Amino acid sequence: MPKPTRAWQRMLSGRRLDLLDPTPVDIEIEDIAHGLAFVARWNGQTRGDYAYSVAEHSLLVETIHARLCPGAPARWHLAALLHDAPEYVIGDMISPVKAAVGPDYGALDDRLTAAIHLRFGLPAELPKTVKRQIKRADRVSAWMEAVEIAGFSESEADRFFGRPDPSLTEGLSIRLRPPRDVREEFTSRHAALMHKL
């Protein structure tokens, strides 16, 4: 009989996360922050001395979301911060790769998202309006990244992501920092939002 395929990953916290059946008790923010700080957006095809990490992107999305929805409760800001959290174990796949992989990627992402949300007091599935608001903030961040570090012209970024309202990006810029610094800011922001729940 063939040996079963391993479908879990050991985390630095010591937790063993089953990717096929993730549970909230096996999820720690330190593991998420560490993993996301080392996962490169754009498959690493960005300018600069450091990769632009998913953790840095997540911090920017949460900032933009706060501008879009200033009166939103802290839990939805937390959801924005954690919007790409499953990527701490499955990595960041660019949209063309996700399309090639097919629906199995989405199902895996959904299972991990639900477990992460439950771990931090969020509903397993976000309300559609909240998901749309976070997706809008995500697209603004993607536009900024595309233009500032990923080699897109503004007109090309406009076609793919839509030109953002300047009020959403005013004073913001893409930051490239060592993973340690980004990890610390991510966990600090998470703690601040958890304190407001």
C-alpha atoms as a PDB file:
ATOM      1  CA  MET A   1       0.000   0.000   0.000  1.00  0.00           C
ATOM      2  CA  PRO A   2       1.428   3.457  -0.888  1.00  0.00           C
ATOM      3  CA  LYS A   3       2.529   5.695   1.923  1.00  0.00           C
ATOM      4  CA  PRO A   4       0.066   8.612   2.415  1.00  0.00           C
ATOM      5  CA  THR A   5       1.240  11.990   1.164  1.00  0.00           C
ATOM      6  CA  ARG A   6       2.172  14.419   3.934  1.00  0.00           C
ATOM      7  CA  ALA A   7      -0.299  17.333   3.930  1.00  0.00           C
ATOM      8  CA  TRP A   8       0.892  19.240   6.996  1.00  0.00           C
ATOM      9  CA  GLN A   9       3.635  21.706   7.729  1.00  0.00           C
ATOM     10  CA  ARG A  10       5.553  22.194  10.970  1.00  0.00           C
ATOM     11  CA  MET A  11       5.571  25.851  12.007  1.00  0.00           C
ATOM     12  CA  LEU A  12       8.322  27.628  13.929  1.00  0.00           C
ATOM     13  CA  SER A  13       5.911  27.916  16.874  1.00  0.00           C
ATOM     14  CA  GLY A  14       5.890  24.112  17.008  1.00  0.00           C
ATOM     15  CA  ARG A  15       2.336  23.893  15.652  1.00  0.00           C
ATOM     16  CA  ARG A  16       1.580  21.312  12.975  1.00  0.00           C
ATOM     17  CA  LEU A  17      -0.813  22.802  10.447  1.00  0.00           C
ATOM     18  CA  ASP A  18      -2.827  20.310   8.386  1.00  0.00           C
ATOM     19  CA  LEU A  19      -3.379  21.990   5.020  1.00  0.00           C
ATOM     20  CA  LEU A  20      -6.299  19.731   4.127  1.00  0.00           C
ATOM     21  CA  ASP A  21      -8.074  20.194   7.456  1.00  0.00           C
ATOM     22  CA  PRO A  22      -6.694  23.328   9.162  1.00  0.00           C
ATOM     23  CA  THR A  23      -7.947  24.129  12.636  1.00  0.00           C
ATOM     24  CA  PRO A  24      -7.836  27.488  14.434  1.00  0.00           C
ATOM     25  CA  VAL A  25      -5.851  26.032  17.350  1.00  0.00           C
ATOM     26  CA  ASP A  26      -2.903  25.350  15.031  1.00  0.00           C
ATOM     27  CA  ILE A  27      -2.625  28.962  13.872  1.00  0.00           C
ATOM     28  CA  GLU A  28      -0.370  31.536  15.549  1.00  0.00           C
ATOM     29  CA  ILE A  29       0.091  35.154  14.469  1.00  0.00           C
ATOM     30  CA  GLU A  30       3.864  34.868  14.838  1.00  0.00           C
ATOM     31  CA  ASP A  31       3.904  32.060  12.243  1.00  0.00           C
ATOM     32  CA  ILE A  32       1.740  34.101   9.886  1.00  0.00           C
ATOM     33  CA  ALA A  33       3.861  37.242  10.289  1.00  0.00           C
ATOM     34  CA  HIS A  34       7.115  35.324   9.858  1.00  0.00           C
ATOM     35  CA  GLY A  35       5.927  33.454   6.779  1.00  0.00           C
ATOM     36  CA  LEU A  36       4.401  36.498   5.084  1.00  0.00           C
ATOM     37  CA  ALA A  37       7.524  38.586   5.747  1.00  0.00           C
ATOM     38  CA  PHE A  38       9.500  36.082   3.646  1.00  0.00           C
ATOM     39  CA  VAL A  39       6.983  35.554   0.820  1.00  0.00           C
ATOM     40  CA  ALA A  40       7.710  37.823  -2.147  1.00  0.00           C
ATOM     41  CA  ARG A  41       4.931  39.490  -4.106  1.00  0.00           C
ATOM     42  CA  TRP A  42       5.145  39.531  -7.911  1.00  0.00           C
ATOM     43  CA  ASN A  43       7.226  36.306  -7.805  1.00  0.00           C
ATOM     44  CA  GLY A  44      10.125  38.498  -6.668  1.00  0.00           C
ATOM     45  CA  GLN A  45      10.157  40.436  -9.945  1.00  0.00           C
ATOM     46  CA  THR A  46      10.424  43.836  -8.286  1.00  0.00           C
ATOM     47  CA  ARG A  47      13.054  46.562  -8.067  1.00  0.00           C
ATOM     48  CA  GLY A  48      15.016  47.093  -4.879  1.00  0.00           C
ATOM     49  CA  ASP A  49      17.392  45.447  -2.478  1.00  0.00           C
ATOM     50  CA  TYR A  50      14.651  43.536  -0.640  1.00  0.00           C
ATOM     51  CA  ALA A  51      11.714  41.557  -1.934  1.00  0.00           C
ATOM     52  CA  TYR A  52       8.367  43.270  -1.513  1.00  0.00           C
ATOM     53  CA  SER A  53       6.749  40.904   0.952  1.00  0.00           C
ATOM     54  CA  VAL A  54       3.148  39.867   1.395  1.00  0.00           C
ATOM     55  CA  ALA A  55       3.391  41.156   4.984  1.00  0.00           C
ATOM     56  CA  GLU A  56       4.352  44.628   3.722  1.00  0.00           C
ATOM     57  CA  HIS A  57       1.546  44.470   1.154  1.00  0.00           C
ATOM     58  CA  SER A  58      -0.930  43.453   3.874  1.00  0.00           C
ATOM     59  CA  LEU A  59       0.030  46.433   6.026  1.00  0.00           C
ATOM     60  CA  LEU A  60      -0.511  48.737   3.045  1.00  0.00           C
ATOM     61  CA  VAL A  61      -3.879  47.166   2.201  1.00  0.00           C
ATOM     62  CA  GLU A  62      -5.035  47.655   5.786  1.00  0.00           C
ATOM     63  CA  THR A  63      -3.964  51.326   5.653  1.00  0.00           C
ATOM     64  CA  ILE A  64      -5.822  51.876   2.371  1.00  0.00           C
ATOM     65  CA  HIS A  65      -8.865  50.020   3.716  1.00  0.00           C
ATOM     66  CA  ALA A  66      -8.903  52.397   6.703  1.00  0.00           C
ATOM     67  CA  ARG A  67      -8.997  55.318   4.256  1.00  0.00           C
ATOM     68  CA  LEU A  68     -11.797  53.709   2.261  1.00  0.00           C
ATOM     69  CA  CYS A  69     -13.846  52.787   5.336  1.00  0.00           C
ATOM     70  CA  PRO A  70     -12.777  55.076   8.193  1.00  0.00           C
ATOM     71  CA  GLY A  71     -15.807  54.211  10.318  1.00  0.00           C
ATOM     72  CA  ALA A  72     -15.478  50.446   9.909  1.00  0.00           C
ATOM     73  CA  PRO A  73     -15.146  48.392  13.094  1.00  0.00           C
ATOM     74  CA  ALA A  74     -11.697  47.122  14.060  1.00  0.00           C
ATOM     75  CA  ARG A  75     -12.612  43.568  13.052  1.00  0.00           C
ATOM     76  CA  TRP A  76     -12.889  44.576   9.396  1.00  0.00           C
ATOM     77  CA  HIS A  77      -9.531  46.347   9.560  1.00  0.00           C
ATOM     78  CA  LEU A  78      -8.165  43.107  11.034  1.00  0.00           C
ATOM     79  CA  ALA A  79      -9.728  41.183   8.151  1.00  0.00           C
ATOM     80  CA  ALA A  80      -7.954  43.551   5.735  1.00  0.00           C
ATOM     81  CA  LEU A  81      -4.617  42.934   7.483  1.00  0.00           C
ATOM     82  CA  LEU A  82      -5.179  39.171   7.258  1.00  0.00           C
ATOM     83  CA  HIS A  83      -6.596  39.135   3.723  1.00  0.00           C
ATOM     84  CA  ASP A  84      -3.606  37.220   2.319  1.00  0.00           C
ATOM     85  CA  ALA A  85      -2.730  35.327   5.511  1.00  0.00           C
ATOM     86  CA  PRO A  86      -3.080  31.832   3.943  1.00  0.00           C
ATOM     87  CA  GLU A  87      -0.051  32.695   1.831  1.00  0.00           C
ATOM     88  CA  TYR A  88       2.150  32.123   4.878  1.00  0.00           C
ATOM     89  CA  VAL A  89       1.917  28.425   4.002  1.00  0.00           C
ATOM     90  CA  ILE A  90       0.793  28.297   0.350  1.00  0.00           C
ATOM     91  CA  GLY A  91       2.867  31.178  -0.987  1.00  0.00           C
ATOM     92  CA  ASP A  92       1.803  34.029  -3.226  1.00  0.00           C
ATOM     93  CA  MET A  93       0.765  32.889  -6.664  1.00  0.00           C
ATOM     94  CA  ILE A  94       0.274  35.508  -9.332  1.00  0.00           C
ATOM     95  CA  SER A  95      -3.191  35.480 -10.939  1.00  0.00           C
ATOM     96  CA  PRO A  96      -2.101  33.677 -14.149  1.00  0.00           C
ATOM     97  CA  VAL A  97      -0.718  30.783 -12.070  1.00  0.00           C
ATOM     98  CA  LYS A  98      -3.891  30.606  -9.936  1.00  0.00           C
ATOM     99  CA  ALA A  99      -5.940  30.363 -13.138  1.00  0.00           C
ATOM    100  CA  ALA A 100      -3.703  27.557 -14.404  1.00  0.00           C
ATOM    101  CA  VAL A 101      -3.928  25.615 -11.117  1.00  0.00           C
ATOM    102  CA  GLY A 102      -7.723  25.832 -11.155  1.00  0.00           C
ATOM    103  CA  PRO A 103     -10.387  25.590  -8.447  1.00  0.00           C
ATOM    104  CA  ASP A 104      -8.321  23.428  -6.072  1.00  0.00           C
ATOM    105  CA  TYR A 105      -6.192  26.463  -5.180  1.00  0.00           C
ATOM    106  CA  GLY A 106      -9.305  28.440  -4.250  1.00  0.00           C
ATOM    107  CA  ALA A 107     -10.654  25.631  -2.069  1.00  0.00           C
ATOM    108  CA  LEU A 108      -7.356  25.364  -0.182  1.00  0.00           C
ATOM    109  CA  ASP A 109      -7.226  29.135   0.272  1.00  0.00           C
ATOM    110  CA  ASP A 110     -10.836  29.171   1.539  1.00  0.00           C
ATOM    111  CA  ARG A 111     -10.168  26.440   4.142  1.00  0.00           C
ATOM    112  CA  LEU A 112      -7.104  28.224   5.481  1.00  0.00           C
ATOM    113  CA  THR A 113      -8.869  31.608   5.486  1.00  0.00           C
ATOM    114  CA  ALA A 114     -11.794  30.210   7.488  1.00  0.00           C
ATOM    115  CA  ALA A 115      -9.464  28.700  10.121  1.00  0.00           C
ATOM    116  CA  ILE A 116      -7.431  31.917  10.374  1.00  0.00           C
ATOM    117  CA  HIS A 117     -10.553  34.050  10.710  1.00  0.00           C
ATOM    118  CA  LEU A 118     -11.988  31.830  13.444  1.00  0.00           C
ATOM    119  CA  ARG A 119      -8.658  31.868  15.303  1.00  0.00           C
ATOM    120  CA  PHE A 120      -8.803  35.659  15.588  1.00  0.00           C
ATOM    121  CA  GLY A 121     -12.519  36.117  16.253  1.00  0.00           C
ATOM    122  CA  LEU A 122     -13.666  36.883  12.707  1.00  0.00           C
ATOM    123  CA  PRO A 123     -16.482  35.102  10.890  1.00  0.00           C
ATOM    124  CA  ALA A 124     -15.251  32.155   8.809  1.00  0.00           C
ATOM    125  CA  GLU A 125     -16.629  33.905   5.741  1.00  0.00           C
ATOM    126  CA  LEU A 126     -16.689  37.689   5.550  1.00  0.00           C
ATOM    127  CA  PRO A 127     -19.809  39.594   4.472  1.00  0.00           C
ATOM    128  CA  LYS A 128     -19.742  40.279   0.719  1.00  0.00           C
ATOM    129  CA  THR A 129     -19.628  44.061   1.220  1.00  0.00           C
ATOM    130  CA  VAL A 130     -16.553  43.754   3.457  1.00  0.00           C
ATOM    131  CA  LYS A 131     -14.850  41.425   0.961  1.00  0.00           C
ATOM    132  CA  ARG A 132     -15.506  43.949  -1.818  1.00  0.00           C
ATOM    133  CA  GLN A 133     -14.060  46.813   0.256  1.00  0.00           C
ATOM    134  CA  ILE A 134     -10.926  44.814   1.050  1.00  0.00           C
ATOM    135  CA  LYS A 135     -10.604  43.768  -2.606  1.00  0.00           C
ATOM    136  CA  ARG A 136     -10.820  47.423  -3.610  1.00  0.00           C
ATOM    137  CA  ALA A 137      -8.008  48.315  -1.180  1.00  0.00           C
ATOM    138  CA  ASP A 138      -6.028  45.337  -2.527  1.00  0.00           C
ATOM    139  CA  ARG A 139      -6.366  46.625  -6.107  1.00  0.00           C
ATOM    140  CA  VAL A 140      -5.191  50.112  -5.072  1.00  0.00           C
ATOM    141  CA  SER A 141      -2.138  48.516  -3.452  1.00  0.00           C
ATOM    142  CA  ALA A 142      -1.530  46.392  -6.553  1.00  0.00           C
ATOM    143  CA  TRP A 143      -1.659  49.504  -8.748  1.00  0.00           C
ATOM    144  CA  MET A 144       0.910  51.250  -6.533  1.00  0.00           C
ATOM    145  CA  GLU A 145       3.177  48.199  -6.515  1.00  0.00           C
ATOM    146  CA  ALA A 146       2.884  47.721 -10.269  1.00  0.00           C
ATOM    147  CA  VAL A 147       3.905  51.307 -11.002  1.00  0.00           C
ATOM    148  CA  GLU A 148       6.504  51.841  -8.272  1.00  0.00           C
ATOM    149  CA  ILE A 149       8.394  48.546  -8.210  1.00  0.00           C
ATOM    150  CA  ALA A 150       7.069  46.005 -10.745  1.00  0.00           C
ATOM    151  CA  GLY A 151       7.914  47.812 -13.985  1.00  0.00           C
ATOM    152  CA  PHE A 152       4.387  48.646 -15.189  1.00  0.00           C
ATOM    153  CA  SER A 153       3.632  51.934 -16.898  1.00  0.00           C
ATOM    154  CA  GLU A 154       0.743  53.872 -15.356  1.00  0.00           C
ATOM    155  CA  SER A 155      -1.463  53.208 -18.382  1.00  0.00           C
ATOM    156  CA  GLU A 156      -0.742  49.474 -18.148  1.00  0.00           C
ATOM    157  CA  ALA A 157      -1.509  49.448 -14.407  1.00  0.00           C
ATOM    158  CA  ASP A 158      -4.716  51.405 -15.108  1.00  0.00           C
ATOM    159  CA  ARG A 159      -5.855  48.663 -17.496  1.00  0.00           C
ATOM    160  CA  PHE A 160      -5.212  45.828 -15.073  1.00  0.00           C
ATOM    161  CA  PHE A 161      -6.050  47.367 -11.704  1.00  0.00           C
ATOM    162  CA  GLY A 162      -7.947  50.612 -12.397  1.00  0.00           C
ATOM    163  CA  ARG A 163      -6.537  54.032 -11.584  1.00  0.00           C
ATOM    164  CA  PRO A 164      -7.057  54.695  -7.859  1.00  0.00           C
ATOM    165  CA  ASP A 165      -8.540  57.835  -6.394  1.00  0.00           C
ATOM    166  CA  PRO A 166      -5.500  59.977  -5.466  1.00  0.00           C
ATOM    167  CA  SER A 167      -6.911  60.524  -1.962  1.00  0.00           C
ATOM    168  CA  LEU A 168      -6.384  56.819  -1.262  1.00  0.00           C
ATOM    169  CA  THR A 169      -2.676  56.898  -2.123  1.00  0.00           C
ATOM    170  CA  GLU A 170      -1.694  60.400  -0.993  1.00  0.00           C
ATOM    171  CA  GLY A 171       1.395  60.267   1.213  1.00  0.00           C
ATOM    172  CA  LEU A 172       1.780  56.500   0.738  1.00  0.00           C
ATOM    173  CA  SER A 173       4.635  54.749  -1.014  1.00  0.00           C
ATOM    174  CA  ILE A 174       5.952  51.238  -1.400  1.00  0.00           C
ATOM    175  CA  ARG A 175       8.469  50.375   1.311  1.00  0.00           C
ATOM    176  CA  LEU A 176      11.143  47.722   1.010  1.00  0.00           C
ATOM    177  CA  ARG A 177      12.520  46.599   4.359  1.00  0.00           C
ATOM    178  CA  PRO A 178      14.257  43.636   5.933  1.00  0.00           C
ATOM    179  CA  PRO A 179      11.831  40.798   6.792  1.00  0.00           C
ATOM    180  CA  ARG A 180      12.509  41.214  10.517  1.00  0.00           C
ATOM    181  CA  ASP A 181      11.264  44.824  10.486  1.00  0.00           C
ATOM    182  CA  VAL A 182       8.140  43.980   8.504  1.00  0.00           C
ATOM    183  CA  ARG A 183       7.384  40.970  10.729  1.00  0.00           C
ATOM    184  CA  GLU A 184       7.585  43.132  13.838  1.00  0.00           C
ATOM    185  CA  GLU A 185       5.291  45.807  12.395  1.00  0.00           C
ATOM    186  CA  PHE A 186       2.791  43.181  11.233  1.00  0.00           C
ATOM    187  CA  THR A 187       2.571  41.532  14.674  1.00  0.00           C
ATOM    188  CA  SER A 188       2.373  44.938  16.358  1.00  0.00           C
ATOM    189  CA  ARG A 189      -0.478  46.061  14.103  1.00  0.00           C
ATOM    190  CA  HIS A 190      -2.266  42.769  14.673  1.00  0.00           C
ATOM    191  CA  ALA A 191      -1.970  43.206  18.449  1.00  0.00           C
ATOM    192  CA  ALA A 192      -3.303  46.772  18.252  1.00  0.00           C
ATOM    193  CA  LEU A 193      -6.337  45.676  16.240  1.00  0.00           C
ATOM    194  CA  MET A 194      -7.001  42.686  18.526  1.00  0.00           C
ATOM    195  CA  HIS A 195      -6.942  45.053  21.499  1.00  0.00           C
ATOM    196  CA  LYS A 196      -9.759  47.082  19.879  1.00  0.00           C
ATOM    197  CA  LEU A 197     -12.053  44.072  19.367  1.00  0.00           C
END
